[in-house]
Amino acid sequence: MIRGLLLLFFLPILSFGQNGEDVLRYSLFHANGSARSQGMASSMGASGGDASGGTVNPAGLAILGKSELSISPYYQFTDFSSEHYGQKSETGNSNVRLGSLSLLIKLRDDENGWNNMVFGASISKMSDFNRNVQIEGVNNQSSLLDFFFNQVLDNQGANVDGIDSLYPFGASLAWQTFLLDTFNNFFFTAIPDYGQVQHFESDERGRMDQTQFNFAVNYEHKFYFGAGLNFRSVQFTRSSDFIERVPAGDTSTFLNDYRFTEFLETTGSGVNLNVGLIYRPSPSLRFGLAYHSPTWLDLTDYWYSEMQSSFVTGQSYSAESGDASFNYQMTTPGKITASTAIVFGKRAFVNVDMDYIDYSQAKLRWDGGQNVFDIENDAIKANHQRAYNFRLGGEYRLSSFALRGGFSNMGNPLQGGAGGWQQLYSFGFGNRTDYVNWDFSLSYIDRVEEEFHLYEPSLAPNQASRLNMNRIQISLGLGFRI
């Protein structure tokens, strides 16, 4: 099992082990709710009145005046730019997904006392894992083969006995394809000198969806209470290729090139709870507070790896690992959300949300042993930190037509990182009548540049690569009320 913290989304070689990378993948999300809420950067913790608001604060559902059925699909385009040893690459992908589907049923509407009892059921996309990353550059410092070589050397010296059983997903494959070899008891790699082209490509697919059941009620239109039971499903696949090509004229080796392929699939499900309160001291002011419990996930990883090598002598070799799978549990951190909304009659409102999340509280577990993840959990505590997310959104109505805008900033979950890890800017508009509404939103996500290593630098020194992500998302919404 690979030990240590790996950065979110960016695949270092041999990252099959369960670690901090997995924790961040399933802890960081920007829920794709209704097109209306997306137009306000999902800032609806105290304003309420929208089906997607239940994801932020379920108490906001008790502000609804009618039963409602709504749907919001979206289209998004994601752009990745990378830099590896001074060489830049850029890739992009696009897809269409269902952002949210919700049904809200108003059960009671009295003039005094308890009223606006609302039951809600919804499906929303919490995370979209679809992305393609490409990195290329000339490395004059090291090779991935050094990683395999030093891994064996550090553990057992030049003795290669048992290499197949000890390193079945890495060094064993390099050994079988003659990328690692021995001669007169001298252990060596097929790239003794550097200057080779390194090309890395990772194709990731998947999502994390949430099915949510909410109940909300208000007391005399002053105190609003809500609770939700949420079920999450996870599906994630990643296929990556790492290629090294020896430059023409290099007489230090007979190697032309080799390819190292890894595949990982993760599936699972989980559950969490959330409760919320909104206090309305006056018609123009609302305060909200919500608690989101940790999510308890049960996950299964399945993986394998392959390697092919090609030599100038015309010989080529290939090797495959066996398949492996592992079932484990993960607890992602809980969250506290505080909100304030200022309402300007029936004309407009502005809402501010602030989330507090302690990512160092995340944990990995395995039912078969208490101490299996001690090193990983210690690394999570040491490398993750508390973070604050900020969201600002508002709506201005012109009769039945409304204009919307929003901004959000996601705090960095990693120690030593910058304060702003991801920013979102949004704009939207829509039309709402007594029985039908349609909405449009446009969002732009900018993630701060991050650094990562293609393989563990302590075993094979390599310069940190850089990658930046930008995403444009267009959401359309349609709703019916009775």
Protein backbone atom coordinates (compact mmCIF):
# COMPACT_ATOMS: atom_id res chain seq x y z
CA MET A 1 0.00 0.00 0.00
CA ILE A 2 1.41 3.36 -0.97
CA ARG A 3 2.01 5.57 2.05
CA GLY A 4 1.73 9.32 2.32
CA LEU A 5 -0.38 12.22 1.13
CA LEU A 6 -1.06 12.69 -2.59
CA LEU A 7 -2.65 15.83 -3.98
CA LEU A 8 -6.23 15.87 -5.17
CA PHE A 9 -7.03 15.01 -8.81
CA PHE A 10 -3.42 14.83 -9.96
CA LEU A 11 -2.24 11.27 -10.34
CA PRO A 12 1.26 10.45 -9.16
CA ILE A 13 2.54 7.09 -10.34
CA LEU A 14 1.54 4.12 -8.18
CA SER A 15 -1.29 5.87 -6.33
CA PHE A 16 -3.41 2.77 -5.85
CA GLY A 17 -3.15 2.90 -2.07
CA GLN A 18 -5.93 4.55 -0.10
CA ASN A 19 -4.68 7.90 1.17
CA GLY A 20 -5.26 11.63 1.50
CA GLU A 21 -5.88 11.99 -2.23
CA ASP A 22 -9.01 9.83 -1.92
CA VAL A 23 -10.19 11.72 1.15
CA LEU A 24 -10.01 15.07 -0.64
CA ARG A 25 -11.69 13.73 -3.76
CA TYR A 26 -14.80 12.77 -1.79
CA SER A 27 -14.69 15.69 0.68
CA LEU A 28 -14.40 18.62 -1.73
CA PHE A 29 -17.43 19.47 -3.80
CA HIS A 30 -19.58 22.25 -5.17
CA ALA A 31 -23.10 20.85 -5.40
CA ASN A 32 -24.73 21.18 -8.82
CA GLY A 33 -28.20 22.22 -7.72
CA SER A 34 -30.97 24.07 -9.51
CA ALA A 35 -30.11 26.58 -12.22
CA ARG A 36 -31.52 29.31 -9.97
CA SER A 37 -29.17 28.47 -7.09
CA GLN A 38 -26.21 28.05 -9.47
CA GLY A 39 -26.79 31.60 -10.67
CA MET A 40 -26.20 32.73 -7.08
CA ALA A 41 -23.15 30.50 -6.47
CA SER A 42 -25.35 28.21 -4.30
CA SER A 43 -25.55 30.95 -1.66
CA MET A 44 -29.01 30.31 -0.17
CA GLY A 45 -28.37 29.32 3.44
CA ALA A 46 -30.62 31.98 4.99
CA SER A 47 -32.69 33.17 2.02
CA GLY A 48 -34.17 29.70 1.37
CA GLY A 49 -37.13 29.26 -0.92
CA ASP A 50 -35.42 26.91 -3.40
CA ALA A 51 -35.20 23.12 -3.57
CA SER A 52 -31.40 23.23 -3.77
CA GLY A 53 -31.28 25.34 -0.63
CA GLY A 54 -31.88 22.14 1.32
CA THR A 55 -28.34 21.09 0.47
CA VAL A 56 -27.05 24.19 2.29
CA ASN A 57 -29.71 24.57 5.02
CA PRO A 58 -32.81 22.32 4.98
CA ALA A 59 -34.75 24.85 7.08
CA GLY A 60 -35.01 27.06 3.97
CA LEU A 61 -37.54 24.67 2.43
CA ALA A 62 -40.15 25.87 4.95
CA ILE A 63 -40.12 29.26 3.20
CA LEU A 64 -41.66 27.74 0.07
CA GLY A 65 -45.23 28.73 -0.63
CA LYS A 66 -46.27 25.85 -2.94
CA SER A 67 -45.43 22.28 -3.88
CA GLU A 68 -42.87 22.13 -6.64
CA LEU A 69 -41.28 19.79 -9.19
CA SER A 70 -38.05 21.00 -10.83
CA ILE A 71 -35.23 19.75 -13.01
CA SER A 72 -31.89 21.34 -13.98
CA PRO A 73 -29.48 19.73 -16.46
CA TYR A 74 -26.16 21.39 -17.26
CA TYR A 75 -23.38 21.48 -19.84
CA GLN A 76 -19.78 22.05 -18.80
CA PHE A 77 -16.41 22.50 -20.49
CA THR A 78 -13.22 21.91 -18.52
CA ASP A 79 -9.78 23.18 -19.56
CA PHE A 80 -6.51 21.90 -18.05
CA SER A 81 -3.12 23.46 -18.62
CA SER A 82 0.09 21.88 -17.34
CA GLU A 83 3.80 22.65 -17.20
CA HIS A 84 6.48 19.95 -16.86
CA TYR A 85 10.17 20.93 -16.93
CA GLY A 86 9.27 24.16 -18.71
CA GLN A 87 7.08 22.59 -21.40
CA LYS A 88 3.40 23.51 -21.44
CA SER A 89 0.45 21.31 -22.49
CA GLU A 90 -3.28 21.92 -22.62
CA THR A 91 -6.31 19.61 -22.81
CA GLY A 92 -10.07 19.97 -22.43
CA ASN A 93 -13.26 17.95 -22.26
CA SER A 94 -16.98 18.59 -22.10
CA ASN A 95 -20.09 16.73 -20.99
CA VAL A 96 -23.80 17.09 -20.28
CA ARG A 97 -25.15 15.98 -16.91
CA LEU A 98 -28.22 16.18 -14.69
CA GLY A 99 -27.51 18.77 -12.01
CA SER A 100 -30.62 18.23 -9.89
CA LEU A 101 -34.10 16.74 -9.87
CA SER A 102 -36.35 17.57 -6.94
CA LEU A 103 -39.89 17.20 -5.68
CA LEU A 104 -41.18 19.33 -2.79
CA ILE A 105 -44.59 18.66 -1.28
CA LYS A 106 -46.21 21.25 0.95
CA LEU A 107 -48.23 19.40 3.61
CA ARG A 108 -49.74 22.18 5.70
CA ASP A 109 -50.42 25.91 5.51
CA ASP A 110 -51.98 27.51 8.61
CA GLU A 111 -52.26 31.15 9.50
CA ASN A 112 -50.90 30.72 13.02
CA GLY A 113 -48.56 28.37 14.84
CA TRP A 114 -46.80 25.62 12.90
CA ASN A 115 -47.17 25.92 9.15
CA ASN A 116 -45.48 25.42 5.78
CA MET A 117 -44.65 21.81 6.56
CA VAL A 118 -42.67 20.61 3.54
CA PHE A 119 -41.38 17.17 2.57
CA GLY A 120 -38.68 17.12 -0.07
CA ALA A 121 -36.91 14.46 -2.14
CA SER A 122 -34.10 15.33 -4.53
CA ILE A 123 -31.20 13.97 -6.53
CA SER A 124 -28.22 16.24 -7.09
CA LYS A 125 -24.68 15.91 -8.37
CA MET A 126 -22.18 16.76 -5.64
CA SER A 127 -19.00 16.24 -7.69
CA ASP A 128 -18.13 15.65 -11.33
CA PHE A 129 -14.83 13.78 -11.72
CA ASN A 130 -14.62 13.95 -15.53
CA ARG A 131 -11.27 15.33 -16.64
CA ASN A 132 -8.32 14.61 -18.91
CA VAL A 133 -4.79 15.64 -17.94
CA GLN A 134 -1.72 15.60 -20.21
CA ILE A 135 1.86 16.40 -19.19
CA GLU A 136 4.98 16.32 -21.34
CA GLY A 137 8.56 17.51 -20.99
CA VAL A 138 12.25 16.52 -21.13
CA ASN A 139 13.59 15.30 -17.79
CA ASN A 140 17.34 15.68 -17.28
CA GLN A 141 17.08 14.80 -13.61
CA SER A 142 15.58 11.31 -13.18
CA SER A 143 13.38 8.54 -14.57
CA LEU A 144 10.41 6.62 -13.27
CA LEU A 145 12.69 3.57 -13.50
CA ASP A 146 14.80 5.18 -10.75
CA PHE A 147 11.72 5.08 -8.54
CA PHE A 148 11.33 1.33 -9.07
CA PHE A 149 15.09 0.76 -8.79
CA ASN A 150 15.50 2.66 -5.51
CA GLN A 151 12.36 1.11 -4.07
CA VAL A 152 13.94 -2.33 -4.46
CA LEU A 153 17.41 -1.14 -3.45
CA ASP A 154 16.22 0.56 -0.25
CA ASN A 155 14.24 -2.48 0.87
CA GLN A 156 16.56 -5.37 -0.03
CA GLY A 157 19.72 -4.06 -1.66
CA ALA A 158 20.75 -5.56 -4.99
CA ASN A 159 19.05 -8.84 -4.11
CA VAL A 160 16.21 -9.19 -6.59
CA ASP A 161 14.82 -12.40 -5.11
CA GLY A 162 11.09 -12.10 -4.58
CA ILE A 163 10.76 -8.94 -6.68
CA ASP A 164 7.68 -10.35 -8.44
CA SER A 165 5.77 -10.99 -5.23
CA LEU A 166 6.92 -7.86 -3.37
CA TYR A 167 6.21 -5.27 -6.11
CA PRO A 168 3.54 -6.85 -8.35
CA PHE A 169 2.18 -3.52 -9.66
CA GLY A 170 5.44 -1.71 -10.38
CA ALA A 171 9.01 -2.95 -10.10
CA SER A 172 7.99 -6.51 -10.98
CA LEU A 173 6.62 -5.33 -14.34
CA ALA A 174 9.80 -3.36 -15.03
CA TRP A 175 11.83 -6.48 -14.18
CA GLN A 176 9.80 -8.69 -16.51
CA THR A 177 10.18 -6.21 -19.41
CA PHE A 178 13.98 -5.82 -18.86
CA LEU A 179 13.70 -2.21 -17.77
CA LEU A 180 15.35 -3.37 -14.55
CA ASP A 181 18.02 -6.01 -14.95
CA THR A 182 21.22 -7.51 -13.50
CA PHE A 183 24.61 -8.33 -15.04
CA ASN A 184 27.38 -10.00 -13.04
CA ASN A 185 25.40 -9.19 -9.86
CA PHE A 186 25.21 -5.52 -10.93
CA PHE A 187 21.65 -4.17 -10.63
CA PHE A 188 20.79 -1.41 -13.14
CA THR A 189 18.02 0.37 -15.08
CA ALA A 190 17.53 0.68 -18.83
CA ILE A 191 17.93 4.49 -18.62
CA PRO A 192 21.38 5.15 -17.09
CA ASP A 193 21.55 8.69 -18.54
CA TYR A 194 18.73 11.23 -18.64
CA GLY A 195 17.27 13.64 -21.18
CA GLN A 196 14.35 11.40 -22.11
CA VAL A 197 10.91 12.75 -23.03
CA GLN A 198 8.31 12.04 -20.36
CA HIS A 199 4.66 11.95 -21.39
CA PHE A 200 1.87 11.40 -18.89
CA GLU A 201 -1.86 11.25 -19.60
CA SER A 202 -4.67 10.53 -17.18
CA ASP A 203 -8.31 10.06 -18.17
CA GLU A 204 -10.74 10.28 -15.25
CA ARG A 205 -14.46 9.62 -15.25
CA GLY A 206 -17.14 9.47 -12.59
CA ARG A 207 -19.32 11.37 -10.18
CA MET A 208 -20.61 11.59 -6.64
CA ASP A 209 -24.41 11.88 -6.46
CA GLN A 210 -26.64 12.59 -3.50
CA THR A 211 -30.21 11.46 -2.90
CA GLN A 212 -31.70 13.66 -0.20
CA PHE A 213 -34.86 13.44 1.88
CA ASN A 214 -35.79 16.60 3.79
CA PHE A 215 -38.48 17.74 6.19
CA ALA A 216 -38.98 21.39 7.11
CA VAL A 217 -41.50 23.46 9.04
CA ASN A 218 -41.75 27.01 10.33
CA TYR A 219 -43.30 28.51 13.41
CA GLU A 220 -45.28 31.70 12.85
CA HIS A 221 -43.01 32.59 9.92
CA LYS A 222 -40.27 33.52 12.38
CA PHE A 223 -38.45 30.27 13.21
CA TYR A 224 -37.70 27.76 10.44
CA PHE A 225 -36.51 24.23 11.18
CA GLY A 226 -35.31 21.52 8.81
CA ALA A 227 -33.55 18.17 8.73
CA GLY A 228 -32.26 15.93 5.97
CA LEU A 229 -31.14 12.34 5.47
CA ASN A 230 -28.70 12.05 2.59
CA PHE A 231 -27.45 9.02 0.69
CA ARG A 232 -24.37 9.36 -1.51
CA SER A 233 -23.12 7.12 -4.30
CA VAL A 234 -19.58 7.16 -5.67
CA GLN A 235 -18.31 6.01 -9.05
CA PHE A 236 -14.78 6.86 -10.16
CA THR A 237 -12.42 5.40 -12.79
CA ARG A 238 -8.96 6.52 -13.78
CA SER A 239 -6.78 5.17 -16.57
CA SER A 240 -3.29 6.59 -16.95
CA ASP A 241 -0.28 6.10 -19.21
CA PHE A 242 3.28 7.11 -18.39
CA ILE A 243 5.68 7.00 -21.38
CA GLU A 244 9.41 7.65 -21.51
CA ARG A 245 11.17 7.96 -24.89
CA VAL A 246 14.94 7.83 -25.13
CA PRO A 247 16.35 10.51 -27.51
CA ALA A 248 17.82 9.34 -30.81
CA GLY A 249 21.58 8.89 -30.68
CA ASP A 250 21.72 7.98 -26.98
CA THR A 251 24.36 5.24 -26.90
CA SER A 252 24.08 4.59 -23.16
CA THR A 253 21.10 2.24 -23.64
CA PHE A 254 19.41 -0.07 -26.11
CA LEU A 255 15.97 1.14 -25.02
CA ASN A 256 13.69 2.99 -27.41
CA ASP A 257 10.75 3.64 -25.10
CA TYR A 258 8.37 2.07 -22.62
CA ARG A 259 4.81 2.56 -21.45
CA PHE A 260 3.46 2.06 -17.91
CA THR A 261 -0.35 1.85 -17.64
CA GLU A 262 -2.44 1.95 -14.48
CA PHE A 263 -6.17 1.50 -14.00
CA LEU A 264 -8.21 2.26 -10.87
CA GLU A 265 -11.94 1.94 -10.26
CA THR A 266 -13.67 3.01 -7.04
CA THR A 267 -17.33 2.38 -6.24
CA GLY A 268 -19.25 2.82 -3.04
CA SER A 269 -22.00 4.51 -1.09
CA GLY A 270 -22.46 6.49 2.10
CA VAL A 271 -24.83 8.40 4.32
CA ASN A 272 -24.90 11.66 6.28
CA LEU A 273 -27.36 13.91 8.11
CA ASN A 274 -27.94 17.65 8.17
CA VAL A 275 -30.07 19.89 10.36
CA GLY A 276 -30.74 23.60 10.10
CA LEU A 277 -32.38 26.63 11.67
CA ILE A 278 -33.34 30.01 10.21
CA TYR A 279 -34.41 32.90 12.45
CA ARG A 280 -36.36 35.80 10.92
CA PRO A 281 -36.34 38.68 13.44
CA SER A 282 -37.87 41.07 10.90
CA PRO A 283 -39.23 40.90 7.33
CA SER A 284 -35.91 42.20 6.01
CA LEU A 285 -33.42 40.08 7.97
CA ARG A 286 -32.74 36.34 8.30
CA PHE A 287 -30.03 34.37 10.08
CA GLY A 288 -29.28 30.73 9.32
CA LEU A 289 -27.22 28.00 10.96
CA ALA A 290 -26.79 24.44 9.69
CA TYR A 291 -24.78 21.40 10.73
CA HIS A 292 -23.76 18.72 8.23
CA SER A 293 -22.53 15.50 9.80
CA PRO A 294 -19.50 13.62 8.49
CA THR A 295 -20.26 11.31 5.59
CA TRP A 296 -19.67 7.64 6.33
CA LEU A 297 -18.60 5.94 3.10
CA ASP A 298 -18.07 2.27 2.29
CA LEU A 299 -15.75 2.00 -0.74
CA THR A 300 -14.18 -0.69 -2.89
CA ASP A 301 -11.06 -0.15 -5.02
CA TYR A 302 -10.19 -2.36 -7.98
CA TRP A 303 -6.89 -1.91 -9.84
CA TYR A 304 -4.26 -3.38 -12.13
CA SER A 305 -1.20 -2.23 -14.09
CA GLU A 306 0.66 -3.11 -17.31
CA MET A 307 4.04 -2.34 -18.86
CA GLN A 308 5.48 -2.59 -22.40
CA SER A 309 9.07 -1.96 -23.49
CA SER A 310 10.68 -1.58 -26.93
CA PHE A 311 14.41 -1.86 -27.74
CA VAL A 312 16.53 -0.78 -30.73
CA THR A 313 17.41 -4.45 -31.28
CA GLY A 314 13.80 -4.97 -32.39
CA GLN A 315 12.78 -6.84 -29.26
CA SER A 316 9.73 -5.84 -27.27
CA TYR A 317 8.29 -7.15 -24.02
CA SER A 318 5.07 -6.79 -22.06
CA ALA A 319 3.89 -7.74 -18.59
CA GLU A 320 0.64 -7.47 -16.66
CA SER A 321 -0.11 -7.51 -12.97
CA GLY A 322 -2.95 -9.51 -11.54
CA ASP A 323 -6.19 -7.82 -10.57
CA ALA A 324 -6.56 -6.60 -7.01
CA SER A 325 -9.43 -5.21 -4.95
CA PHE A 326 -9.82 -3.82 -1.47
CA ASN A 327 -12.87 -2.79 0.57
CA TYR A 328 -12.46 -0.05 3.15
CA GLN A 329 -14.31 2.73 4.93
CA MET A 330 -13.85 6.49 4.88
CA THR A 331 -15.21 9.29 7.05
CA THR A 332 -15.17 12.68 5.38
CA PRO A 333 -15.27 15.82 7.57
CA GLY A 334 -18.46 17.44 8.79
CA LYS A 335 -19.37 21.06 8.13
CA ILE A 336 -20.97 24.02 9.92
CA THR A 337 -22.63 26.72 7.80
CA ALA A 338 -23.59 30.17 9.09
CA SER A 339 -25.70 32.44 6.86
CA THR A 340 -27.21 35.91 6.74
CA ALA A 341 -29.74 37.26 4.26
CA ILE A 342 -31.01 40.79 3.77
CA VAL A 343 -34.40 40.95 2.04
CA PHE A 344 -35.60 44.10 0.26
CA GLY A 345 -39.33 43.48 0.19
CA LYS A 346 -40.40 41.41 -2.81
CA ARG A 347 -37.83 43.10 -5.02
CA ALA A 348 -34.44 41.65 -4.06
CA PHE A 349 -32.29 39.83 -1.52
CA VAL A 350 -28.60 39.27 -0.77
CA ASN A 351 -27.31 36.13 0.99
CA VAL A 352 -23.93 35.33 2.55
CA ASP A 353 -22.82 31.82 3.57
CA MET A 354 -19.71 30.80 5.48
CA ASP A 355 -18.69 27.14 5.86
CA TYR A 356 -16.25 25.80 8.44
CA ILE A 357 -14.63 22.44 7.62
CA ASP A 358 -11.75 20.68 9.37
CA TYR A 359 -10.26 18.37 6.74
CA SER A 360 -7.77 16.94 9.24
CA GLN A 361 -10.67 15.10 10.90
CA ALA A 362 -11.12 12.81 7.91
CA LYS A 363 -10.25 9.16 8.50
CA LEU A 364 -9.70 5.89 6.68
CA ARG A 365 -10.71 2.58 8.28
CA TRP A 366 -10.67 -1.13 7.53
CA ASP A 367 -12.89 -3.60 9.34
CA GLY A 368 -10.17 -6.24 9.18
CA GLY A 369 -7.66 -4.33 11.30
CA GLN A 370 -7.52 -1.30 13.54
CA ASN A 371 -3.99 -0.16 12.65
CA VAL A 372 -3.91 -0.63 8.88
CA PHE A 373 -4.34 3.07 8.11
CA ASP A 374 -2.36 4.55 11.01
CA ILE A 375 0.31 6.05 8.75
CA GLU A 376 -2.24 7.41 6.26
CA ASN A 377 -4.40 8.92 9.00
CA ASP A 378 -1.35 10.52 10.64
CA ALA A 379 -0.43 12.03 7.26
CA ILE A 380 -3.98 13.37 6.84
CA LYS A 381 -3.81 15.06 10.25
CA ALA A 382 -0.38 16.52 9.48
CA ASN A 383 -1.09 17.72 5.95
CA HIS A 384 -4.75 18.74 6.03
CA GLN A 385 -6.09 21.79 7.80
CA ARG A 386 -9.18 23.76 8.75
CA ALA A 387 -10.68 25.77 5.93
CA TYR A 388 -13.44 28.32 5.36
CA ASN A 389 -15.66 28.53 2.31
CA PHE A 390 -17.35 31.82 1.47
CA ARG A 391 -20.37 32.31 -0.80
CA LEU A 392 -22.15 35.52 -1.77
CA GLY A 393 -25.26 35.57 -3.92
CA GLY A 394 -28.23 37.72 -4.70
CA GLU A 395 -31.34 38.16 -6.82
CA TYR A 396 -33.08 41.25 -8.18
CA ARG A 397 -36.63 40.91 -9.51
CA LEU A 398 -38.21 42.92 -12.31
CA SER A 399 -41.83 41.80 -12.03
CA SER A 400 -41.71 38.05 -12.82
CA PHE A 401 -38.23 38.31 -14.37
CA ALA A 402 -35.14 38.06 -12.13
CA LEU A 403 -31.41 38.76 -12.47
CA ARG A 404 -28.90 36.86 -10.31
CA GLY A 405 -25.21 36.86 -9.51
CA GLY A 406 -22.81 35.19 -7.12
CA PHE A 407 -19.25 34.50 -6.01
CA SER A 408 -17.69 31.75 -3.91
CA ASN A 409 -14.22 31.05 -2.58
CA MET A 410 -13.20 27.59 -1.40
CA GLY A 411 -10.49 27.57 1.25
CA ASN A 412 -7.38 25.44 0.74
CA PRO A 413 -7.65 22.09 2.56
CA LEU A 414 -3.88 21.51 2.56
CA GLN A 415 -1.30 22.84 5.01
CA GLY A 416 0.91 25.58 3.64
CA GLY A 417 -1.43 26.32 0.74
CA ALA A 418 -2.76 29.66 -0.37
CA GLY A 419 -5.93 30.99 1.24
CA GLY A 420 -8.00 30.81 -1.93
CA TRP A 421 -7.95 27.37 -3.51
CA GLN A 422 -10.88 27.68 -5.90
CA GLN A 423 -13.07 30.60 -6.95
CA LEU A 424 -16.44 30.52 -8.70
CA TYR A 425 -18.18 33.41 -10.44
CA SER A 426 -21.78 33.07 -11.54
CA PHE A 427 -24.51 34.94 -13.36
CA GLY A 428 -28.10 34.00 -14.08
CA PHE A 429 -31.61 35.06 -14.90
CA GLY A 430 -35.05 33.53 -15.07
CA ASN A 431 -38.77 34.04 -15.10
CA ARG A 432 -41.14 32.90 -12.36
CA THR A 433 -44.92 32.89 -12.52
CA ASP A 434 -47.48 31.40 -10.15
CA TYR A 435 -47.20 27.94 -11.71
CA VAL A 436 -44.12 27.73 -13.95
CA ASN A 437 -40.54 28.97 -13.88
CA TRP A 438 -37.51 28.70 -16.14
CA ASP A 439 -33.94 29.63 -15.23
CA PHE A 440 -30.52 30.02 -16.82
CA SER A 441 -27.11 30.29 -15.16
CA LEU A 442 -23.51 30.63 -16.30
CA SER A 443 -20.67 29.74 -13.92
CA TYR A 444 -16.91 30.05 -14.25
CA ILE A 445 -14.62 28.10 -11.91
CA ASP A 446 -10.96 29.00 -11.56
CA ARG A 447 -8.73 26.72 -9.52
CA VAL A 448 -5.48 28.10 -8.18
CA GLU A 449 -2.39 26.51 -9.73
CA GLU A 450 -1.11 23.46 -7.86
CA GLU A 451 2.13 21.52 -7.77
CA PHE A 452 2.55 17.76 -7.76
CA HIS A 453 5.13 15.08 -8.52
CA LEU A 454 4.72 12.31 -11.08
CA TYR A 455 6.53 9.94 -8.71
CA GLU A 456 7.83 10.07 -5.17
CA PRO A 457 10.71 12.61 -5.15
CA SER A 458 12.42 11.03 -2.12
CA LEU A 459 13.07 7.90 -4.22
CA ALA A 460 13.72 9.62 -7.56
CA PRO A 461 14.25 13.41 -7.48
CA ASN A 462 11.96 15.16 -9.94
CA GLN A 463 10.79 18.71 -10.44
CA ALA A 464 7.26 19.49 -9.37
CA SER A 465 4.84 19.80 -12.28
CA ARG A 466 2.13 22.47 -12.31
CA LEU A 467 -1.46 22.21 -13.35
CA ASN A 468 -4.35 24.68 -13.49
CA MET A 469 -8.04 23.98 -14.11
CA ASN A 470 -10.76 26.28 -15.46
CA ARG A 471 -14.37 25.24 -15.96
CA ILE A 472 -17.40 26.86 -17.60
CA GLN A 473 -20.83 25.52 -16.74
CA ILE A 474 -24.20 26.38 -18.24
CA SER A 475 -27.34 25.27 -16.38
CA LEU A 476 -30.96 25.33 -17.51
CA GLY A 477 -33.86 24.86 -15.13
CA LEU A 478 -37.58 24.20 -15.41
CA GLY A 479 -40.03 24.06 -12.53
CA PHE A 480 -43.76 23.52 -11.98
CA ARG A 481 -45.71 24.52 -8.86
CA ILE A 482 -49.20 23.74 -7.59
